[in-house]
């Protein structure tokens, strides 16, 4: 029974975070969009105008939603990602710091699941990034186990044989293959997003640094490279074949997406405590007051207490260095010179817009933080029983972030689509011609979806190509997207152009969603045939295809 204590505790924390989502409905919050069914549209394949940032996840959800309701798929992946983060942290402790035992594993589980990074990314709607985040300790544990003498494929850590086998080389190779497959699996799962794949690759490379008597570095590196290339193929092909490869990159959004200082902490302190997301509205309430200082002191205090024990473990050192780099580099890039340098880099090298959101890279600190937190029970065992230290650390870490519980204090809850959405989607799917959408903004505010803005769910719900500019308003400033053709169609609509002009532009349908700016579009729509209309949506026929 004790072997299930750690996974059970991790599942309990994960359920406590996402509990409201266990009911019926769909996750629709800022960047998180789930619908009953998704399709392998051009956008899902990364072939639309927008950059293929969500290509792997959209492809996976579209494929899975053929069998299971799309809302269930997304909620299950989110819950699974958080559970994996906790279980992976425990496995990493068992691999690198076995003396910490189950008490140390419990502290590591708490740090991995119950922290500002999880809270802020959850509120921003980055469920697929949290899946990649949950893979990081597994990637670290598997790589370190492969590099250790007498490796266990599942990542249990270095265990020497009780008796030498007759042919140690053959035995080692046979035991390594499951580990290689496990490493490839975790890399692929993290690759639901491009960022997740890059995070996993970075952790793997760092874990290859320590000397080991197991599999050679080149074998582990080859598996990592092959798995990363395979996982990256969907978005690399989408970027190279789609229109986004020729579009301007994200340099204008560098300032908007830089890491943000939270009250009393500064940017460095915010990042060190795994907070500091660019969007202040996506921060839990406890991170918007000076209470964040107390929370940071508690977290860093637990980590500092464990450092003496962890620093004596050579395999842990690269992960600790990676944690420091993951905090210091985004903090530096949030300064004036750092922003200027990053802007120049993105302008010079197409495709590096993924670097704009500096705070998301702090996820790289989590494996090192988990080890340091587990080390606290070893440091304190001269004075306290490990179980007592573990309970004290876990309670303290939970107490300083109370509003992560219950869907971030009720902010992450399932929504129910009005009936018109299914009706409009059915009509478009019966004749999947290109769709133009109003209002003009990429983000929407629906009375039935809560107070937070959400991405338009229509592109995920229809098999047709939905033209979207990708423009994003951040703190009153517009960060332009890649949708040049969508922007031209939008200009025609807002100017009240003749329906014939829309047909010439290839518009087959026009969907008007409630709320937002529609300019003079009424002049155009009054002359277009109505296919559906209710209090939330209106669908008009165009002539394009």
Foldseek 3Di string as FASTA:
>chain_A
DVVCPQLVLLLVLLCQLAVQLVDDFAFFAAAAFWFQAFACALLLLLFELFANQQNLLLVVLNVCSVPGGSRVVLSVLLSVLSSLQLVLLLLLCLAQPVVLPPLLSLLLSLLRRQAQLNQLCVNNNVSLQSSLLSLQSQLLQLLLQQQAPPRALSRSYHDDDPDDDPDRVVVLVVRPVSSLVSNLVSLLSLLSGVVSNVLSLVSNVLLLPDHHDHDHSVVSVVSSVVSSCVSCVSSVCSCVNHNNVVFQAQLVCLLQQAFADFPPQARLLQLLRLHRGSAPVSGFPLRRDCLVVVLSCLLVVLLVLQVVVSVVGVSLVSLQVQLVCLRVLSSVLNDPVNSVVVSVVCRVDPPPSVCSNSSSSNSSNSSSSSNSNSSNLVSCVVPDHSNVSSVVSSVSNCVSQVQSGPNSVPSGHRFHDPPVLVVVQVVCQVPQFEEEEDDQDQWDADPRNDGHIGGDNNNRSHNHHYQHFPWDAGPNDIRTTRRPLSVVLLVCQLVLHALVVNQVSQHFKYKYFPDHDRHNNCNHQVPFDWPDDDPGMTMTGGNGD
